Amino acid sequence: QVQFVESGGGLVQAGGSLRLSCAVSGFIFGAYYMRWYRQAPGKERELVARIDSTGYRRNYVDSVKGRFIISRDNAKNTLYLQMNSLKPEDTAVYYCNVERQGSVLDSWGQGTQVTVSS
C-alpha cells in the first residue's frame, strides 16, 4: 500500500540545478522522518539527506552539504530535494523512502534519473 513516486530528474550540465519531488501515499506522511537516497551505476545505494516530520531538522551527507536542500509539504504528501551546483559525481538514480525505527521500508519506488554532464 505504501507508494513512492519520484520525479523531476533529467540531464543537466555541471553547475546546473534540479528539483526532485516524491509523491507519497499509503501512510501518514506528516508523522515520519523521510529520506532521499541515490544509487550510481556499480555502487551501493547511498543516503543523501533526511528530514524530520515537521521539516525542522535536516541532515545531509558531507558531499552535498551546501548544495542540496531537503524539504517537505505535509499538506501535499510530498517530499522535495532541491539540487544546486550539480557535479558529475551526483549522477545517479534518486529514491525517497520513509524512516521507521532507524531504517527504511523495503518498498522502493522506481526512482528518478539525474545525469550531470561535465
N, C-alpha and C. Protein backbone atom coordinates (compact mmCIF):
# COMPACT_ATOMS: atom_id res chain seq x y z
N GLN A 1 0.82 -1.20 0.00
CA GLN A 1 0.00 0.00 0.00
C GLN A 1 0.86 1.26 0.00
N VAL A 2 2.02 1.20 0.65
CA VAL A 2 2.94 2.33 0.67
C VAL A 2 3.53 2.51 -0.73
N GLN A 3 3.47 3.74 -1.23
CA GLN A 3 3.97 4.03 -2.56
C GLN A 3 4.78 5.32 -2.56
N PHE A 4 5.86 5.31 -3.35
CA PHE A 4 6.69 6.49 -3.56
C PHE A 4 6.82 6.70 -5.06
N VAL A 5 6.54 7.90 -5.53
CA VAL A 5 6.65 8.23 -6.93
C VAL A 5 7.58 9.41 -7.08
N GLU A 6 8.81 9.13 -7.53
CA GLU A 6 9.82 10.17 -7.69
C GLU A 6 9.73 10.79 -9.08
N SER A 7 10.04 12.07 -9.17
CA SER A 7 10.02 12.76 -10.45
C SER A 7 10.95 13.96 -10.39
N GLY A 8 11.20 14.56 -11.54
CA GLY A 8 11.98 15.78 -11.60
C GLY A 8 13.41 15.62 -12.08
N GLY A 9 13.86 14.39 -12.29
CA GLY A 9 15.21 14.18 -12.77
C GLY A 9 15.36 14.58 -14.21
N GLY A 10 16.60 14.55 -14.68
CA GLY A 10 16.88 14.91 -16.05
C GLY A 10 18.36 15.02 -16.31
N LEU A 11 18.69 15.54 -17.48
CA LEU A 11 20.07 15.74 -17.90
C LEU A 11 20.42 17.22 -17.77
N VAL A 12 21.45 17.52 -17.01
CA VAL A 12 21.90 18.89 -16.83
C VAL A 12 23.42 18.94 -16.92
N GLN A 13 23.94 20.12 -17.20
CA GLN A 13 25.39 20.30 -17.21
C GLN A 13 25.88 20.66 -15.82
N ALA A 14 27.15 20.43 -15.57
CA ALA A 14 27.74 20.75 -14.28
C ALA A 14 27.46 22.21 -13.91
N GLY A 15 27.09 22.42 -12.66
CA GLY A 15 26.75 23.74 -12.19
C GLY A 15 25.27 24.06 -12.24
N GLY A 16 24.50 23.22 -12.91
CA GLY A 16 23.08 23.43 -13.03
C GLY A 16 22.30 22.98 -11.81
N SER A 17 20.97 23.10 -11.90
CA SER A 17 20.10 22.77 -10.78
C SER A 17 18.92 21.91 -11.23
N LEU A 18 18.41 21.12 -10.31
CA LEU A 18 17.20 20.34 -10.50
C LEU A 18 16.44 20.30 -9.18
N ARG A 19 15.12 20.17 -9.26
CA ARG A 19 14.30 19.95 -8.09
C ARG A 19 13.56 18.63 -8.24
N LEU A 20 13.83 17.70 -7.34
CA LEU A 20 13.18 16.41 -7.34
C LEU A 20 11.96 16.44 -6.43
N SER A 21 10.94 15.67 -6.80
CA SER A 21 9.74 15.54 -5.99
C SER A 21 9.48 14.07 -5.71
N CYS A 22 8.86 13.80 -4.58
CA CYS A 22 8.47 12.45 -4.20
C CYS A 22 7.05 12.50 -3.67
N ALA A 23 6.12 11.98 -4.43
CA ALA A 23 4.72 11.91 -4.02
C ALA A 23 4.50 10.63 -3.23
N VAL A 24 3.95 10.77 -2.04
CA VAL A 24 3.83 9.66 -1.09
C VAL A 24 2.37 9.33 -0.84
N SER A 25 2.08 8.04 -0.70
CA SER A 25 0.75 7.60 -0.32
C SER A 25 0.85 6.32 0.49
N GLY A 26 -0.20 5.99 1.22
CA GLY A 26 -0.27 4.73 1.94
C GLY A 26 0.11 4.78 3.41
N PHE A 27 0.52 5.92 3.92
CA PHE A 27 0.81 6.08 5.34
C PHE A 27 0.65 7.54 5.72
N ILE A 28 0.70 7.82 7.01
CA ILE A 28 0.53 9.19 7.50
C ILE A 28 1.85 9.93 7.31
N PHE A 29 1.95 10.61 6.20
CA PHE A 29 3.20 11.24 5.78
C PHE A 29 3.75 12.19 6.84
N GLY A 30 2.90 13.01 7.42
CA GLY A 30 3.33 14.03 8.36
C GLY A 30 3.81 13.51 9.70
N ALA A 31 3.76 12.21 9.93
CA ALA A 31 4.16 11.64 11.21
C ALA A 31 5.57 11.06 11.19
N TYR A 32 6.26 11.08 10.05
CA TYR A 32 7.52 10.36 9.92
C TYR A 32 8.65 11.19 9.33
N TYR A 33 9.88 10.85 9.76
CA TYR A 33 11.06 11.30 9.05
C TYR A 33 11.04 10.73 7.63
N MET A 34 11.63 11.46 6.70
CA MET A 34 11.76 10.99 5.33
C MET A 34 13.22 11.09 4.89
N ARG A 35 13.57 10.30 3.88
CA ARG A 35 14.94 10.26 3.39
C ARG A 35 15.00 10.28 1.87
N TRP A 36 16.07 10.87 1.35
CA TRP A 36 16.46 10.73 -0.05
C TRP A 36 17.70 9.87 -0.13
N TYR A 37 17.71 8.92 -1.06
CA TYR A 37 18.86 8.08 -1.37
C TYR A 37 19.22 8.27 -2.83
N ARG A 38 20.43 7.84 -3.17
CA ARG A 38 20.81 7.77 -4.58
C ARG A 38 21.67 6.55 -4.81
N GLN A 39 21.65 6.06 -6.04
CA GLN A 39 22.45 4.91 -6.41
C GLN A 39 23.06 5.14 -7.78
N ALA A 40 24.37 5.23 -7.82
CA ALA A 40 25.10 5.40 -9.06
C ALA A 40 25.41 4.03 -9.65
N PRO A 41 25.64 3.96 -10.96
CA PRO A 41 25.96 2.67 -11.59
C PRO A 41 27.14 1.99 -10.92
N GLY A 42 26.97 0.72 -10.56
CA GLY A 42 28.03 -0.05 -9.95
C GLY A 42 28.30 0.25 -8.49
N LYS A 43 27.49 1.09 -7.87
CA LYS A 43 27.70 1.46 -6.48
C LYS A 43 26.47 1.13 -5.64
N GLU A 44 26.66 1.05 -4.34
CA GLU A 44 25.57 0.78 -3.42
C GLU A 44 24.72 2.02 -3.22
N ARG A 45 23.49 1.81 -2.80
CA ARG A 45 22.60 2.92 -2.50
C ARG A 45 23.16 3.74 -1.34
N GLU A 46 23.14 5.06 -1.48
CA GLU A 46 23.74 5.97 -0.53
C GLU A 46 22.68 6.91 0.05
N LEU A 47 22.68 7.08 1.37
CA LEU A 47 21.79 8.04 2.00
C LEU A 47 22.30 9.45 1.72
N VAL A 48 21.44 10.29 1.16
CA VAL A 48 21.81 11.65 0.77
C VAL A 48 21.33 12.67 1.78
N ALA A 49 20.09 12.57 2.21
CA ALA A 49 19.50 13.57 3.09
C ALA A 49 18.33 12.97 3.85
N ARG A 50 18.04 13.56 5.01
CA ARG A 50 16.87 13.17 5.79
C ARG A 50 16.25 14.40 6.43
N ILE A 51 14.98 14.29 6.76
CA ILE A 51 14.24 15.41 7.32
C ILE A 51 13.23 14.89 8.32
N ASP A 52 13.04 15.60 9.42
CA ASP A 52 12.09 15.15 10.43
C ASP A 52 10.66 15.40 9.97
N SER A 53 9.72 15.02 10.81
CA SER A 53 8.32 15.03 10.41
C SER A 53 7.78 16.42 10.12
N THR A 54 8.34 17.43 10.76
CA THR A 54 7.86 18.80 10.58
C THR A 54 8.70 19.62 9.61
N GLY A 55 9.88 19.13 9.26
CA GLY A 55 10.78 19.87 8.40
C GLY A 55 11.77 20.73 9.14
N TYR A 56 11.85 20.62 10.45
CA TYR A 56 12.75 21.44 11.25
C TYR A 56 14.18 20.92 11.23
N ARG A 57 14.36 19.62 11.46
CA ARG A 57 15.69 19.03 11.49
C ARG A 57 16.01 18.43 10.12
N ARG A 58 17.20 18.78 9.60
CA ARG A 58 17.63 18.28 8.30
C ARG A 58 19.08 17.82 8.40
N ASN A 59 19.39 16.72 7.74
CA ASN A 59 20.74 16.16 7.73
C ASN A 59 21.13 15.83 6.31
N TYR A 60 22.44 15.95 6.02
CA TYR A 60 22.95 15.70 4.68
C TYR A 60 24.27 14.95 4.74
N VAL A 61 24.51 14.14 3.73
CA VAL A 61 25.82 13.57 3.58
C VAL A 61 26.79 14.70 3.23
N ASP A 62 28.05 14.58 3.67
CA ASP A 62 29.01 15.67 3.52
C ASP A 62 29.16 16.14 2.07
N SER A 63 29.08 15.22 1.13
CA SER A 63 29.33 15.56 -0.26
C SER A 63 28.29 16.49 -0.88
N VAL A 64 27.13 16.64 -0.25
CA VAL A 64 26.09 17.51 -0.80
C VAL A 64 25.78 18.71 0.09
N LYS A 65 26.40 18.82 1.24
CA LYS A 65 26.15 19.93 2.14
C LYS A 65 26.45 21.26 1.46
N GLY A 66 25.54 22.20 1.62
CA GLY A 66 25.70 23.50 0.99
C GLY A 66 25.19 23.57 -0.42
N ARG A 67 24.87 22.43 -1.02
CA ARG A 67 24.38 22.39 -2.40
C ARG A 67 22.94 21.88 -2.50
N PHE A 68 22.57 20.92 -1.66
CA PHE A 68 21.24 20.32 -1.70
C PHE A 68 20.41 20.80 -0.51
N ILE A 69 19.10 20.89 -0.72
CA ILE A 69 18.18 21.25 0.34
C ILE A 69 17.00 20.29 0.31
N ILE A 70 16.77 19.58 1.41
CA ILE A 70 15.61 18.71 1.53
C ILE A 70 14.48 19.48 2.21
N SER A 71 13.27 19.30 1.72
CA SER A 71 12.11 19.97 2.30
C SER A 71 10.88 19.09 2.11
N ARG A 72 9.78 19.50 2.72
CA ARG A 72 8.55 18.72 2.59
C ARG A 72 7.34 19.62 2.71
N ASP A 73 6.25 19.18 2.13
CA ASP A 73 4.95 19.83 2.24
C ASP A 73 3.98 18.78 2.73
N ASN A 74 3.73 18.76 4.02
CA ASN A 74 2.89 17.70 4.59
C ASN A 74 1.45 17.77 4.11
N ALA A 75 0.97 18.96 3.78
CA ALA A 75 -0.39 19.10 3.27
C ALA A 75 -0.55 18.45 1.91
N LYS A 76 0.55 18.32 1.16
CA LYS A 76 0.52 17.73 -0.17
C LYS A 76 1.13 16.33 -0.21
N ASN A 77 1.54 15.80 0.93
CA ASN A 77 2.18 14.49 0.99
C ASN A 77 3.34 14.39 0.00
N THR A 78 4.17 15.42 -0.01
CA THR A 78 5.25 15.49 -0.98
C THR A 78 6.57 15.87 -0.33
N LEU A 79 7.62 15.17 -0.71
CA LEU A 79 8.99 15.43 -0.29
C LEU A 79 9.75 16.01 -1.47
N TYR A 80 10.67 16.94 -1.20
CA TYR A 80 11.44 17.60 -2.25
C TYR A 80 12.93 17.51 -1.98
N LEU A 81 13.70 17.60 -3.05
CA LEU A 81 15.14 17.74 -2.95
C LEU A 81 15.58 18.76 -4.00
N GLN A 82 15.94 19.95 -3.54
CA GLN A 82 16.50 20.97 -4.42
C GLN A 82 18.00 20.73 -4.54
N MET A 83 18.48 20.55 -5.75
CA MET A 83 19.87 20.25 -6.00
C MET A 83 20.49 21.38 -6.81
N ASN A 84 21.47 22.05 -6.24
CA ASN A 84 22.16 23.16 -6.88
C ASN A 84 23.63 22.83 -7.08
N SER A 85 24.28 23.58 -7.95
CA SER A 85 25.71 23.39 -8.22
C SER A 85 26.04 21.93 -8.47
N LEU A 86 25.28 21.31 -9.33
CA LEU A 86 25.42 19.88 -9.57
C LEU A 86 26.77 19.54 -10.18
N LYS A 87 27.27 18.38 -9.78
CA LYS A 87 28.55 17.86 -10.24
C LYS A 87 28.34 16.52 -10.93
N PRO A 88 29.26 16.13 -11.82
CA PRO A 88 29.12 14.82 -12.46
C PRO A 88 28.99 13.67 -11.48
N GLU A 89 29.64 13.75 -10.33
CA GLU A 89 29.55 12.70 -9.34
C GLU A 89 28.19 12.60 -8.66
N ASP A 90 27.29 13.56 -8.92
CA ASP A 90 25.92 13.47 -8.44
C ASP A 90 25.06 12.59 -9.33
N THR A 91 25.58 12.16 -10.45
CA THR A 91 24.83 11.32 -11.38
C THR A 91 24.43 10.02 -10.70
N ALA A 92 23.13 9.74 -10.69
CA ALA A 92 22.59 8.56 -10.01
C ALA A 92 21.09 8.51 -10.21
N VAL A 93 20.51 7.40 -9.81
CA VAL A 93 19.06 7.31 -9.66
C VAL A 93 18.73 7.69 -8.23
N TYR A 94 17.80 8.62 -8.07
CA TYR A 94 17.43 9.13 -6.76
C TYR A 94 16.11 8.54 -6.30
N TYR A 95 16.08 8.10 -5.04
CA TYR A 95 14.91 7.46 -4.45
C TYR A 95 14.55 8.14 -3.13
N CYS A 96 13.27 8.10 -2.79
CA CYS A 96 12.84 8.54 -1.47
C CYS A 96 12.29 7.35 -0.69
N ASN A 97 12.25 7.50 0.64
CA ASN A 97 11.67 6.45 1.48
C ASN A 97 11.37 7.03 2.86
N VAL A 98 10.59 6.28 3.62
CA VAL A 98 10.20 6.69 4.96
C VAL A 98 11.11 6.02 5.98
N GLU A 99 11.47 6.76 7.02
CA GLU A 99 12.30 6.24 8.08
C GLU A 99 11.42 5.66 9.19
N ARG A 100 11.73 4.46 9.59
CA ARG A 100 10.99 3.80 10.66
C ARG A 100 11.97 3.00 11.51
N GLN A 101 12.06 3.33 12.78
CA GLN A 101 12.98 2.68 13.71
C GLN A 101 14.41 2.68 13.18
N GLY A 102 14.82 3.79 12.62
CA GLY A 102 16.19 3.96 12.18
C GLY A 102 16.52 3.38 10.82
N SER A 103 15.55 2.82 10.13
CA SER A 103 15.79 2.25 8.82
C SER A 103 14.63 2.59 7.89
N VAL A 104 14.65 2.03 6.68
CA VAL A 104 13.62 2.32 5.69
C VAL A 104 12.84 1.06 5.36
N LEU A 105 11.67 1.27 4.78
CA LEU A 105 10.85 0.16 4.34
C LEU A 105 11.40 -0.45 3.06
N ASP A 106 11.16 -1.74 2.89
CA ASP A 106 11.54 -2.42 1.65
C ASP A 106 10.40 -2.25 0.65
N SER A 107 10.17 -1.00 0.25
CA SER A 107 9.08 -0.68 -0.66
C SER A 107 9.49 0.53 -1.51
N TRP A 108 10.51 0.32 -2.33
CA TRP A 108 11.10 1.41 -3.10
C TRP A 108 10.30 1.74 -4.35
N GLY A 109 10.30 3.02 -4.71
CA GLY A 109 9.74 3.44 -5.98
C GLY A 109 10.70 3.16 -7.12
N GLN A 110 10.36 3.62 -8.31
CA GLN A 110 11.23 3.40 -9.46
C GLN A 110 12.39 4.37 -9.51
N GLY A 111 12.34 5.43 -8.73
CA GLY A 111 13.41 6.42 -8.72
C GLY A 111 13.32 7.36 -9.90
N THR A 112 14.16 8.40 -9.87
CA THR A 112 14.25 9.33 -10.98
C THR A 112 15.72 9.55 -11.31
N GLN A 113 16.05 9.47 -12.60
CA GLN A 113 17.44 9.54 -13.05
C GLN A 113 17.92 10.97 -13.13
N VAL A 114 19.07 11.22 -12.51
CA VAL A 114 19.76 12.50 -12.61
C VAL A 114 21.10 12.26 -13.28
N THR A 115 21.34 12.95 -14.38
CA THR A 115 22.59 12.83 -15.11
C THR A 115 23.21 14.21 -15.25
N VAL A 116 24.45 14.35 -14.79
CA VAL A 116 25.16 15.63 -14.82
C VAL A 116 26.36 15.48 -15.74
N SER A 117 26.40 16.24 -16.79
CA SER A 117 27.50 16.19 -17.74
C SER A 117 28.58 17.17 -17.34
N SER A 118 29.81 16.87 -17.75
CA SER A 118 30.95 17.72 -17.43
C SER A 118 31.24 18.73 -18.52
